[in-house]
Amino acid sequence: MDTFSNLLYVRSMKSELSYLAHNLCEIDKYRVETCCVIGNYYSLRSQHEKAALYFQRALKLNPRYLGAWTLMGHEYMEMKNTSAAIQAYRHAIEVNKRDYRAWYGLGQTYEILKMPFYCLYYYRRAHQLRPNDSRMLVALGECYEKLNQLVEAKKCYWRAYAVGDVEKMALVKLAKLHEQLTESEQAAQCYIKYIQDIYSCGEIVEHLEESTAFRYLAQYYFKCKLWDEASTCAQKCCAFNDTREEGKALLRQILQLRNQGETPTTEVSAPFFLPASLSANNTPTRRVSPLNLSSVTP
């Protein structure tokens, strides 16, 4: 039941979690599982002090109950009590050294404390336990980026994408790294692959970096003098509040250049073309060249 309550929490199913908590209270309110379910309920309602109190009650009943230590660490994180969170996560590791959530939680805590070498260590331990979890790889990439180890960061972001990026952020972070390194073609490849992925998944989900991708691609195609692709991306920019004005300005520039008789270039080929749903151009795409991951052990 406590695992079931975790699922309800992740799905933000507040009424179902409330029903479960009431039912378990009627059965036995002094059970570890009941305390954890109630703790999850209060956490979902953003009553983190009450949630932490119920996780503490669970631990009084069973001090070696792993889930309660980890969840209590999460609650202390929400309350910005980093020292208590570290203590809770360390207790979880004492109970089970293979609990990746505790290692990952410690990494997040030290990241908040701006101690990148510490959080790198803990994220690496979490990654060793969950080598195919994209969240660990993205967290590792961010640490390497803060430590200015950009080659390792790029490898981590690419690996996160290769294993199946849960949060759909690895390609965007990789593209921004390429931007920093003035690798414009590689950045464009990553942004277009990102757009292709979010449009092909079929889910209507708001992606925060979608406007960033279209803005970069519009500017990239404009520099390459590929007016059709630049125009398509600029039109998509107009759909977002933060890029609307830039999109309109670029469309005006393209129209002005076309009226002056400026012809599109034939010498520069775009790394990708937009999905069929966004563009009428059906030119075959060229695949992104993968990074060499044969020797990667972050």
C-alpha atoms as a PDB file:
ATOM      1  CA  MET A   1       0.000   0.000   0.000  1.00  0.00           C
ATOM      2  CA  ASP A   2       2.885   2.384   0.681  1.00  0.00           C
ATOM      3  CA  THR A   3       4.289   1.665  -2.799  1.00  0.00           C
ATOM      4  CA  PHE A   4       0.809   2.195  -4.231  1.00  0.00           C
ATOM      5  CA  SER A   5       0.651   5.560  -2.449  1.00  0.00           C
ATOM      6  CA  ASN A   6       3.982   6.507  -4.055  1.00  0.00           C
ATOM      7  CA  LEU A   7       2.437   5.871  -7.465  1.00  0.00           C
ATOM      8  CA  LEU A   8      -0.622   7.956  -6.591  1.00  0.00           C
ATOM      9  CA  TYR A   9       1.707  10.729  -5.394  1.00  0.00           C
ATOM     10  CA  VAL A  10       3.705  10.745  -8.629  1.00  0.00           C
ATOM     11  CA  ARG A  11       0.449  10.872 -10.630  1.00  0.00           C
ATOM     12  CA  SER A  12      -0.828  13.722  -8.377  1.00  0.00           C
ATOM     13  CA  MET A  13      -4.045  11.765  -7.670  1.00  0.00           C
ATOM     14  CA  LYS A  14      -4.965  13.649  -4.511  1.00  0.00           C
ATOM     15  CA  SER A  15      -8.509  12.335  -3.963  1.00  0.00           C
ATOM     16  CA  GLU A  16      -7.462   8.687  -4.473  1.00  0.00           C
ATOM     17  CA  LEU A  17      -4.550   9.145  -2.068  1.00  0.00           C
ATOM     18  CA  SER A  18      -6.876  10.712   0.497  1.00  0.00           C
ATOM     19  CA  TYR A  19      -9.287   7.758   0.173  1.00  0.00           C
ATOM     20  CA  LEU A  20      -6.422   5.288   0.625  1.00  0.00           C
ATOM     21  CA  ALA A  21      -5.100   7.144   3.700  1.00  0.00           C
ATOM     22  CA  HIS A  22      -8.542   7.145   5.377  1.00  0.00           C
ATOM     23  CA  ASN A  23      -9.034   3.450   4.645  1.00  0.00           C
ATOM     24  CA  LEU A  24      -5.672   2.465   6.083  1.00  0.00           C
ATOM     25  CA  CYS A  25      -6.316   4.588   9.200  1.00  0.00           C
ATOM     26  CA  GLU A  26      -9.502   2.632   9.819  1.00  0.00           C
ATOM     27  CA  ILE A  27      -7.641  -0.675   9.426  1.00  0.00           C
ATOM     28  CA  ASP A  28      -4.578   0.140  11.569  1.00  0.00           C
ATOM     29  CA  LYS A  29      -3.248   3.647  12.109  1.00  0.00           C
ATOM     30  CA  TYR A  30      -0.134   2.383  13.925  1.00  0.00           C
ATOM     31  CA  ARG A  31       1.295   0.569  10.917  1.00  0.00           C
ATOM     32  CA  VAL A  32       4.446   1.778   9.139  1.00  0.00           C
ATOM     33  CA  GLU A  33       2.642   1.653   5.793  1.00  0.00           C
ATOM     34  CA  THR A  34      -0.228   3.784   7.106  1.00  0.00           C
ATOM     35  CA  CYS A  35       2.164   6.470   8.358  1.00  0.00           C
ATOM     36  CA  CYS A  36       3.940   6.580   4.989  1.00  0.00           C
ATOM     37  CA  VAL A  37       0.675   6.844   3.056  1.00  0.00           C
ATOM     38  CA  ILE A  38      -0.494   9.732   5.265  1.00  0.00           C
ATOM     39  CA  GLY A  39       2.931  11.355   4.875  1.00  0.00           C
ATOM     40  CA  ASN A  40       2.617  11.145   1.098  1.00  0.00           C
ATOM     41  CA  TYR A  41      -0.862  12.664   1.305  1.00  0.00           C
ATOM     42  CA  TYR A  42       0.343  15.682   3.282  1.00  0.00           C
ATOM     43  CA  SER A  43       3.359  16.048   0.993  1.00  0.00           C
ATOM     44  CA  LEU A  44       1.066  16.178  -2.042  1.00  0.00           C
ATOM     45  CA  ARG A  45      -0.863  18.949  -0.287  1.00  0.00           C
ATOM     46  CA  SER A  46       2.457  20.795   0.260  1.00  0.00           C
ATOM     47  CA  GLN A  47       2.140  20.414   4.045  1.00  0.00           C
ATOM     48  CA  HIS A  48       5.725  19.275   4.364  1.00  0.00           C
ATOM     49  CA  GLU A  49       6.076  19.674   8.150  1.00  0.00           C
ATOM     50  CA  LYS A  50       3.141  17.308   8.730  1.00  0.00           C
ATOM     51  CA  ALA A  51       4.474  14.903   6.104  1.00  0.00           C
ATOM     52  CA  ALA A  52       7.887  14.774   7.813  1.00  0.00           C
ATOM     53  CA  LEU A  53       6.158  14.165  11.166  1.00  0.00           C
ATOM     54  CA  TYR A  54       4.378  11.057   9.821  1.00  0.00           C
ATOM     55  CA  PHE A  55       7.566   9.711   8.257  1.00  0.00           C
ATOM     56  CA  GLN A  56       9.232  10.161  11.673  1.00  0.00           C
ATOM     57  CA  ARG A  57       6.378   8.174  13.245  1.00  0.00           C
ATOM     58  CA  ALA A  58       6.953   5.405  10.711  1.00  0.00           C
ATOM     59  CA  LEU A  59      10.637   5.303  11.662  1.00  0.00           C
ATOM     60  CA  LYS A  60       9.812   5.085  15.358  1.00  0.00           C
ATOM     61  CA  LEU A  61       7.811   1.971  14.524  1.00  0.00           C
ATOM     62  CA  ASN A  62      10.586   0.573  12.332  1.00  0.00           C
ATOM     63  CA  PRO A  63      13.956   2.422  12.325  1.00  0.00           C
ATOM     64  CA  ARG A  64      15.198   0.313   9.379  1.00  0.00           C
ATOM     65  CA  TYR A  65      12.285   1.155   7.106  1.00  0.00           C
ATOM     66  CA  LEU A  66      14.140   2.380   4.006  1.00  0.00           C
ATOM     67  CA  GLY A  67      11.321   4.225   2.200  1.00  0.00           C
ATOM     68  CA  ALA A  68      10.559   6.460   5.183  1.00  0.00           C
ATOM     69  CA  TRP A  69      14.183   7.672   5.474  1.00  0.00           C
ATOM     70  CA  THR A  70      14.312   8.566   1.787  1.00  0.00           C
ATOM     71  CA  LEU A  71      10.896  10.243   1.775  1.00  0.00           C
ATOM     72  CA  MET A  72      11.744  12.204   4.917  1.00  0.00           C
ATOM     73  CA  GLY A  73      14.893  13.426   3.163  1.00  0.00           C
ATOM     74  CA  HIS A  74      12.718  14.660   0.289  1.00  0.00           C
ATOM     75  CA  GLU A  75      10.488  16.544   2.747  1.00  0.00           C
ATOM     76  CA  TYR A  76      13.449  18.249   4.424  1.00  0.00           C
ATOM     77  CA  MET A  77      14.640  19.251   0.957  1.00  0.00           C
ATOM     78  CA  GLU A  78      11.260  20.881   0.328  1.00  0.00           C
ATOM     79  CA  MET A  79      11.602  22.719   3.643  1.00  0.00           C
ATOM     80  CA  LYS A  80      15.134  23.886   2.646  1.00  0.00           C
ATOM     81  CA  ASN A  81      16.563  22.068   5.673  1.00  0.00           C
ATOM     82  CA  THR A  82      19.613  20.651   3.896  1.00  0.00           C
ATOM     83  CA  SER A  83      21.463  19.383   6.984  1.00  0.00           C
ATOM     84  CA  ALA A  84      18.454  17.309   8.103  1.00  0.00           C
ATOM     85  CA  ALA A  85      17.967  16.060   4.519  1.00  0.00           C
ATOM     86  CA  ILE A  86      21.613  14.901   4.357  1.00  0.00           C
ATOM     87  CA  GLN A  87      21.210  13.086   7.661  1.00  0.00           C
ATOM     88  CA  ALA A  88      18.031  11.326   6.461  1.00  0.00           C
ATOM     89  CA  TYR A  89      19.609  10.247   3.163  1.00  0.00           C
ATOM     90  CA  ARG A  90      22.693   8.948   4.998  1.00  0.00           C
ATOM     91  CA  HIS A  91      20.460   6.859   7.266  1.00  0.00           C
ATOM     92  CA  ALA A  92      18.780   5.442   4.140  1.00  0.00           C
ATOM     93  CA  ILE A  93      22.198   4.447   2.748  1.00  0.00           C
ATOM     94  CA  GLU A  94      23.079   2.792   6.078  1.00  0.00           C
ATOM     95  CA  VAL A  95      19.940   0.666   5.718  1.00  0.00           C
ATOM     96  CA  ASN A  96      20.597  -0.163   2.053  1.00  0.00           C
ATOM     97  CA  LYS A  97      23.692   0.978   0.168  1.00  0.00           C
ATOM     98  CA  ARG A  98      22.018   0.100  -3.140  1.00  0.00           C
ATOM     99  CA  ASP A  99      19.179   2.611  -2.760  1.00  0.00           C
ATOM    100  CA  TYR A 100      19.858   4.915  -5.718  1.00  0.00           C
ATOM    101  CA  ARG A 101      17.227   7.417  -4.536  1.00  0.00           C
ATOM    102  CA  ALA A 102      19.238   8.227  -1.417  1.00  0.00           C
ATOM    103  CA  TRP A 103      22.476   8.707  -3.403  1.00  0.00           C
ATOM    104  CA  TYR A 104      20.597  10.874  -5.911  1.00  0.00           C
ATOM    105  CA  GLY A 105      18.996  12.872  -3.081  1.00  0.00           C
ATOM    106  CA  LEU A 106      22.421  13.541  -1.564  1.00  0.00           C
ATOM    107  CA  GLY A 107      23.626  14.738  -4.962  1.00  0.00           C
ATOM    108  CA  GLN A 108      20.682  17.146  -5.206  1.00  0.00           C
ATOM    109  CA  THR A 109      21.316  18.430  -1.668  1.00  0.00           C
ATOM    110  CA  TYR A 110      24.978  19.193  -2.329  1.00  0.00           C
ATOM    111  CA  GLU A 111      23.991  20.781  -5.634  1.00  0.00           C
ATOM    112  CA  ILE A 112      21.775  23.212  -3.699  1.00  0.00           C
ATOM    113  CA  LEU A 113      24.745  23.871  -1.392  1.00  0.00           C
ATOM    114  CA  LYS A 114      26.826  24.688  -4.522  1.00  0.00           C
ATOM    115  CA  MET A 115      29.362  21.940  -3.857  1.00  0.00           C
ATOM    116  CA  PRO A 116      29.780  20.415  -7.331  1.00  0.00           C
ATOM    117  CA  PHE A 117      32.599  17.967  -6.459  1.00  0.00           C
ATOM    118  CA  TYR A 118      30.470  16.422  -3.713  1.00  0.00           C
ATOM    119  CA  CYS A 119      27.334  16.197  -5.831  1.00  0.00           C
ATOM    120  CA  LEU A 120      29.400  14.686  -8.692  1.00  0.00           C
ATOM    121  CA  TYR A 121      30.493  11.877  -6.368  1.00  0.00           C
ATOM    122  CA  TYR A 122      26.937  11.102  -5.239  1.00  0.00           C
ATOM    123  CA  TYR A 123      25.456  11.333  -8.730  1.00  0.00           C
ATOM    124  CA  ARG A 124      28.126   8.915  -9.963  1.00  0.00           C
ATOM    125  CA  ARG A 125      27.152   6.448  -7.237  1.00  0.00           C
ATOM    126  CA  ALA A 126      23.489   6.779  -8.249  1.00  0.00           C
ATOM    127  CA  HIS A 127      24.463   6.295 -11.912  1.00  0.00           C
ATOM    128  CA  GLN A 128      26.383   3.115 -11.067  1.00  0.00           C
ATOM    129  CA  LEU A 129      23.200   1.705  -9.530  1.00  0.00           C
ATOM    130  CA  ARG A 130      20.961   2.947 -12.383  1.00  0.00           C
ATOM    131  CA  PRO A 131      23.213   3.069 -15.486  1.00  0.00           C
ATOM    132  CA  ASN A 132      20.294   3.430 -17.905  1.00  0.00           C
ATOM    133  CA  ASP A 133      18.383   6.113 -16.012  1.00  0.00           C
ATOM    134  CA  SER A 134      18.527   9.334 -18.018  1.00  0.00           C
ATOM    135  CA  ARG A 135      17.907  11.510 -14.933  1.00  0.00           C
ATOM    136  CA  MET A 136      21.201  10.384 -13.372  1.00  0.00           C
ATOM    137  CA  LEU A 137      23.049  11.049 -16.624  1.00  0.00           C
ATOM    138  CA  VAL A 138      21.547  14.525 -17.045  1.00  0.00           C
ATOM    139  CA  ALA A 139      22.441  15.355 -13.426  1.00  0.00           C
ATOM    140  CA  LEU A 140      26.000  14.148 -14.072  1.00  0.00           C
ATOM    141  CA  GLY A 141      26.172  16.247 -17.234  1.00  0.00           C
ATOM    142  CA  GLU A 142      25.092  19.358 -15.323  1.00  0.00           C
ATOM    143  CA  CYS A 143      27.807  18.703 -12.707  1.00  0.00           C
ATOM    144  CA  TYR A 144      30.491  18.307 -15.349  1.00  0.00           C
ATOM    145  CA  GLU A 145      29.234  21.502 -16.985  1.00  0.00           C
ATOM    146  CA  LYS A 146      29.598  23.430 -13.711  1.00  0.00           C
ATOM    147  CA  LEU A 147      33.126  22.049 -13.355  1.00  0.00           C
ATOM    148  CA  ASN A 148      33.852  23.180 -16.939  1.00  0.00           C
ATOM    149  CA  GLN A 149      34.445  19.588 -18.076  1.00  0.00           C
ATOM    150  CA  LEU A 150      32.427  20.125 -21.234  1.00  0.00           C
ATOM    151  CA  VAL A 151      33.572  17.024 -23.118  1.00  0.00           C
ATOM    152  CA  GLU A 152      32.360  14.771 -20.285  1.00  0.00           C
ATOM    153  CA  ALA A 153      29.137  16.793 -20.045  1.00  0.00           C
ATOM    154  CA  LYS A 154      28.457  16.260 -23.762  1.00  0.00           C
ATOM    155  CA  LYS A 155      29.013  12.514 -23.400  1.00  0.00           C
ATOM    156  CA  CYS A 156      26.570  12.343 -20.485  1.00  0.00           C
ATOM    157  CA  TYR A 157      23.836  14.296 -22.299  1.00  0.00           C
ATOM    158  CA  TRP A 158      24.217  12.176 -25.424  1.00  0.00           C
ATOM    159  CA  ARG A 159      24.126   8.972 -23.376  1.00  0.00           C
ATOM    160  CA  ALA A 160      20.992  10.230 -21.571  1.00  0.00           C
ATOM    161  CA  TYR A 161      19.310  10.722 -24.937  1.00  0.00           C
ATOM    162  CA  ALA A 162      20.508   7.321 -26.195  1.00  0.00           C
ATOM    163  CA  VAL A 163      19.031   5.395 -23.238  1.00  0.00           C
ATOM    164  CA  GLY A 164      15.661   7.194 -23.536  1.00  0.00           C
ATOM    165  CA  ASP A 165      15.426  10.672 -22.095  1.00  0.00           C
ATOM    166  CA  VAL A 166      12.548  10.686 -19.594  1.00  0.00           C
ATOM    167  CA  GLU A 167      12.368  14.472 -19.161  1.00  0.00           C
ATOM    168  CA  LYS A 168      13.131  15.355 -22.829  1.00  0.00           C
ATOM    169  CA  MET A 169      15.889  17.761 -21.758  1.00  0.00           C
ATOM    170  CA  ALA A 170      19.151  16.013 -22.688  1.00  0.00           C
ATOM    171  CA  LEU A 171      19.151  17.146 -26.331  1.00  0.00           C
ATOM    172  CA  VAL A 172      18.403  20.760 -25.371  1.00  0.00           C
ATOM    173  CA  LYS A 173      21.244  20.799 -22.846  1.00  0.00           C
ATOM    174  CA  LEU A 174      23.546  19.223 -25.433  1.00  0.00           C
ATOM    175  CA  ALA A 175      22.502  21.833 -28.012  1.00  0.00           C
ATOM    176  CA  LYS A 176      23.238  24.680 -25.581  1.00  0.00           C
ATOM    177  CA  LEU A 177      26.677  23.212 -24.933  1.00  0.00           C
ATOM    178  CA  HIS A 178      27.342  23.175 -28.674  1.00  0.00           C
ATOM    179  CA  GLU A 179      26.180  26.804 -28.777  1.00  0.00           C
ATOM    180  CA  GLN A 180      28.706  27.737 -26.077  1.00  0.00           C
ATOM    181  CA  LEU A 181      31.431  26.043 -28.100  1.00  0.00           C
ATOM    182  CA  THR A 182      30.255  27.816 -31.308  1.00  0.00           C
ATOM    183  CA  GLU A 183      29.477  24.465 -32.934  1.00  0.00           C
ATOM    184  CA  SER A 184      26.442  25.785 -34.772  1.00  0.00           C
ATOM    185  CA  GLU A 185      25.742  22.794 -37.015  1.00  0.00           C
ATOM    186  CA  GLN A 186      25.838  20.316 -34.132  1.00  0.00           C
ATOM    187  CA  ALA A 187      23.582  22.607 -32.074  1.00  0.00           C
ATOM    188  CA  ALA A 188      21.099  22.768 -34.959  1.00  0.00           C
ATOM    189  CA  GLN A 189      21.155  18.969 -35.262  1.00  0.00           C
ATOM    190  CA  CYS A 190      20.308  18.570 -31.582  1.00  0.00           C
ATOM    191  CA  TYR A 191      17.516  21.168 -31.658  1.00  0.00           C
ATOM    192  CA  ILE A 192      15.861  19.606 -34.699  1.00  0.00           C
ATOM    193  CA  LYS A 193      16.090  16.107 -33.257  1.00  0.00           C
ATOM    194  CA  TYR A 194      14.494  17.503 -30.096  1.00  0.00           C
ATOM    195  CA  ILE A 195      11.632  19.010 -32.114  1.00  0.00           C
ATOM    196  CA  GLN A 196      11.180  15.800 -34.083  1.00  0.00           C
ATOM    197  CA  ASP A 197      10.973  13.806 -30.861  1.00  0.00           C
ATOM    198  CA  ILE A 198       8.400  16.004 -29.123  1.00  0.00           C
ATOM    199  CA  TYR A 199       6.222  16.176 -32.237  1.00  0.00           C
ATOM    200  CA  SER A 200       6.417  12.442 -32.915  1.00  0.00           C
ATOM    201  CA  CYS A 201       5.489  11.334 -29.375  1.00  0.00           C
ATOM    202  CA  GLY A 202       1.838  12.280 -29.989  1.00  0.00           C
ATOM    203  CA  GLU A 203       1.349  13.752 -26.505  1.00  0.00           C
ATOM    204  CA  ILE A 204       0.047  17.286 -26.090  1.00  0.00           C
ATOM    205  CA  VAL A 205       2.573  18.439 -23.506  1.00  0.00           C
ATOM    206  CA  GLU A 206       4.015  21.901 -23.025  1.00  0.00           C
ATOM    207  CA  HIS A 207       7.784  21.785 -23.524  1.00  0.00           C
ATOM    208  CA  LEU A 208       9.487  24.818 -22.050  1.00  0.00           C
ATOM    209  CA  GLU A 209      12.438  24.765 -24.452  1.00  0.00           C
ATOM    210  CA  GLU A 210      10.414  24.420 -27.649  1.00  0.00           C
ATOM    211  CA  SER A 211      10.509  28.165 -28.310  1.00  0.00           C
ATOM    212  CA  THR A 212      14.279  28.220 -27.672  1.00  0.00           C
ATOM    213  CA  ALA A 213      14.775  25.496 -30.274  1.00  0.00           C
ATOM    214  CA  PHE A 214      12.685  27.256 -32.925  1.00  0.00           C
ATOM    215  CA  ARG A 215      14.412  30.586 -32.274  1.00  0.00           C
ATOM    216  CA  TYR A 216      17.871  29.090 -32.709  1.00  0.00           C
ATOM    217  CA  LEU A 217      16.858  27.185 -35.844  1.00  0.00           C
ATOM    218  CA  ALA A 218      15.241  30.243 -37.398  1.00  0.00           C
ATOM    219  CA  GLN A 219      18.463  32.214 -36.890  1.00  0.00           C
ATOM    220  CA  TYR A 220      20.611  29.299 -38.060  1.00  0.00           C
ATOM    221  CA  TYR A 221      18.663  28.797 -41.290  1.00  0.00           C
ATOM    222  CA  PHE A 222      18.621  32.553 -41.848  1.00  0.00           C
ATOM    223  CA  LYS A 223      22.434  32.664 -41.657  1.00  0.00           C
ATOM    224  CA  CYS A 224      22.558  29.714 -44.073  1.00  0.00           C
ATOM    225  CA  LYS A 225      20.227  31.658 -46.427  1.00  0.00           C
ATOM    226  CA  LEU A 226      17.666  28.853 -46.389  1.00  0.00           C
ATOM    227  CA  TRP A 227      14.638  31.143 -46.495  1.00  0.00           C
ATOM    228  CA  ASP A 228      11.894  28.478 -46.512  1.00  0.00           C
ATOM    229  CA  GLU A 229      13.206  26.692 -43.418  1.00  0.00           C
ATOM    230  CA  ALA A 230      13.969  29.988 -41.655  1.00  0.00           C
ATOM    231  CA  SER A 231      10.468  31.240 -42.422  1.00  0.00           C
ATOM    232  CA  THR A 232       8.865  28.044 -41.099  1.00  0.00           C
ATOM    233  CA  CYS A 233      10.795  28.270 -37.829  1.00  0.00           C
ATOM    234  CA  ALA A 234      10.118  32.018 -37.485  1.00  0.00           C
ATOM    235  CA  GLN A 235       6.383  31.360 -37.889  1.00  0.00           C
ATOM    236  CA  LYS A 236       6.574  28.764 -35.107  1.00  0.00           C
ATOM    237  CA  CYS A 237       8.349  31.350 -32.927  1.00  0.00           C
ATOM    238  CA  CYS A 238       5.302  33.596 -33.254  1.00  0.00           C
ATOM    239  CA  ALA A 239       3.260  31.006 -31.326  1.00  0.00           C
ATOM    240  CA  PHE A 240       5.277  31.627 -28.126  1.00  0.00           C
ATOM    241  CA  ASN A 241       5.184  34.768 -25.994  1.00  0.00           C
ATOM    242  CA  ASP A 242       8.932  34.919 -25.367  1.00  0.00           C
ATOM    243  CA  THR A 243       9.929  34.583 -29.052  1.00  0.00           C
ATOM    244  CA  ARG A 244       6.984  36.239 -30.819  1.00  0.00           C
ATOM    245  CA  GLU A 245       8.660  39.590 -31.518  1.00  0.00           C
ATOM    246  CA  GLU A 246      11.877  37.971 -32.711  1.00  0.00           C
ATOM    247  CA  GLY A 247       9.890  35.701 -35.013  1.00  0.00           C
ATOM    248  CA  LYS A 248       7.997  38.635 -36.538  1.00  0.00           C
ATOM    249  CA  ALA A 249      11.201  40.629 -37.030  1.00  0.00           C
ATOM    250  CA  LEU A 250      12.881  37.710 -38.774  1.00  0.00           C
ATOM    251  CA  LEU A 251       9.880  37.173 -41.057  1.00  0.00           C
ATOM    252  CA  ARG A 252      10.062  40.836 -42.078  1.00  0.00           C
ATOM    253  CA  GLN A 253      13.784  40.476 -42.848  1.00  0.00           C
ATOM    254  CA  ILE A 254      13.187  37.354 -44.951  1.00  0.00           C
ATOM    255  CA  LEU A 255      10.404  39.073 -46.889  1.00  0.00           C
ATOM    256  CA  GLN A 256      12.624  42.110 -47.493  1.00  0.00           C
ATOM    257  CA  LEU A 257      15.502  39.967 -48.781  1.00  0.00           C
ATOM    258  CA  ARG A 258      13.183  38.017 -51.058  1.00  0.00           C
ATOM    259  CA  ASN A 259      11.759  41.249 -52.471  1.00  0.00           C
ATOM    260  CA  GLN A 260      15.321  42.418 -53.168  1.00  0.00           C
ATOM    261  CA  GLY A 261      15.843  39.268 -55.211  1.00  0.00           C
ATOM    262  CA  GLU A 262      18.226  37.595 -52.769  1.00  0.00           C
ATOM    263  CA  THR A 263      18.358  33.923 -53.783  1.00  0.00           C
ATOM    264  CA  PRO A 264      18.665  31.039 -51.331  1.00  0.00           C
ATOM    265  CA  THR A 265      22.102  29.491 -51.079  1.00  0.00           C
ATOM    266  CA  THR A 266      22.787  26.085 -52.588  1.00  0.00           C
ATOM    267  CA  GLU A 267      26.217  25.654 -51.044  1.00  0.00           C
ATOM    268  CA  VAL A 268      25.167  25.133 -47.393  1.00  0.00           C
ATOM    269  CA  SER A 269      23.065  22.106 -46.588  1.00  0.00           C
ATOM    270  CA  ALA A 270      20.968  22.072 -43.438  1.00  0.00           C
ATOM    271  CA  PRO A 271      21.781  19.324 -40.950  1.00  0.00           C
ATOM    272  CA  PHE A 272      18.140  18.290 -40.747  1.00  0.00           C
ATOM    273  CA  PHE A 273      14.806  19.378 -42.103  1.00  0.00           C
ATOM    274  CA  LEU A 274      11.691  19.862 -40.074  1.00  0.00           C
ATOM    275  CA  PRO A 275       9.088  17.127 -39.588  1.00  0.00           C
ATOM    276  CA  ALA A 276       6.451  16.812 -42.294  1.00  0.00           C
ATOM    277  CA  SER A 277       3.857  18.275 -39.942  1.00  0.00           C
ATOM    278  CA  LEU A 278       5.862  21.514 -39.802  1.00  0.00           C
ATOM    279  CA  SER A 279       7.244  21.813 -43.292  1.00  0.00           C
ATOM    280  CA  ALA A 280       6.282  20.835 -46.796  1.00  0.00           C
ATOM    281  CA  ASN A 281       9.919  20.084 -47.598  1.00  0.00           C
ATOM    282  CA  ASN A 282      10.407  16.305 -47.789  1.00  0.00           C
ATOM    283  CA  THR A 283      14.159  16.340 -48.291  1.00  0.00           C
ATOM    284  CA  PRO A 284      15.747  13.242 -46.673  1.00  0.00           C
ATOM    285  CA  THR A 285      17.330  13.917 -43.308  1.00  0.00           C
ATOM    286  CA  ARG A 286      20.914  13.270 -42.311  1.00  0.00           C
ATOM    287  CA  ARG A 287      21.462  11.504 -38.998  1.00  0.00           C
ATOM    288  CA  VAL A 288      23.254  13.138 -36.087  1.00  0.00           C
ATOM    289  CA  SER A 289      26.796  11.818 -35.773  1.00  0.00           C
ATOM    290  CA  PRO A 290      26.933  10.129 -32.342  1.00  0.00           C
ATOM    291  CA  LEU A 291      29.654  10.947 -29.858  1.00  0.00           C
ATOM    292  CA  ASN A 292      32.195   8.238 -29.087  1.00  0.00           C
ATOM    293  CA  LEU A 293      30.728   6.554 -26.014  1.00  0.00           C
ATOM    294  CA  SER A 294      32.819   3.391 -26.075  1.00  0.00           C
ATOM    295  CA  SER A 295      35.033   4.574 -23.222  1.00  0.00           C
ATOM    296  CA  VAL A 296      32.491   6.599 -21.257  1.00  0.00           C
ATOM    297  CA  THR A 297      32.225   5.748 -17.572  1.00  0.00           C
ATOM    298  CA  PRO A 298      31.148   9.009 -15.912  1.00  0.00           C
END
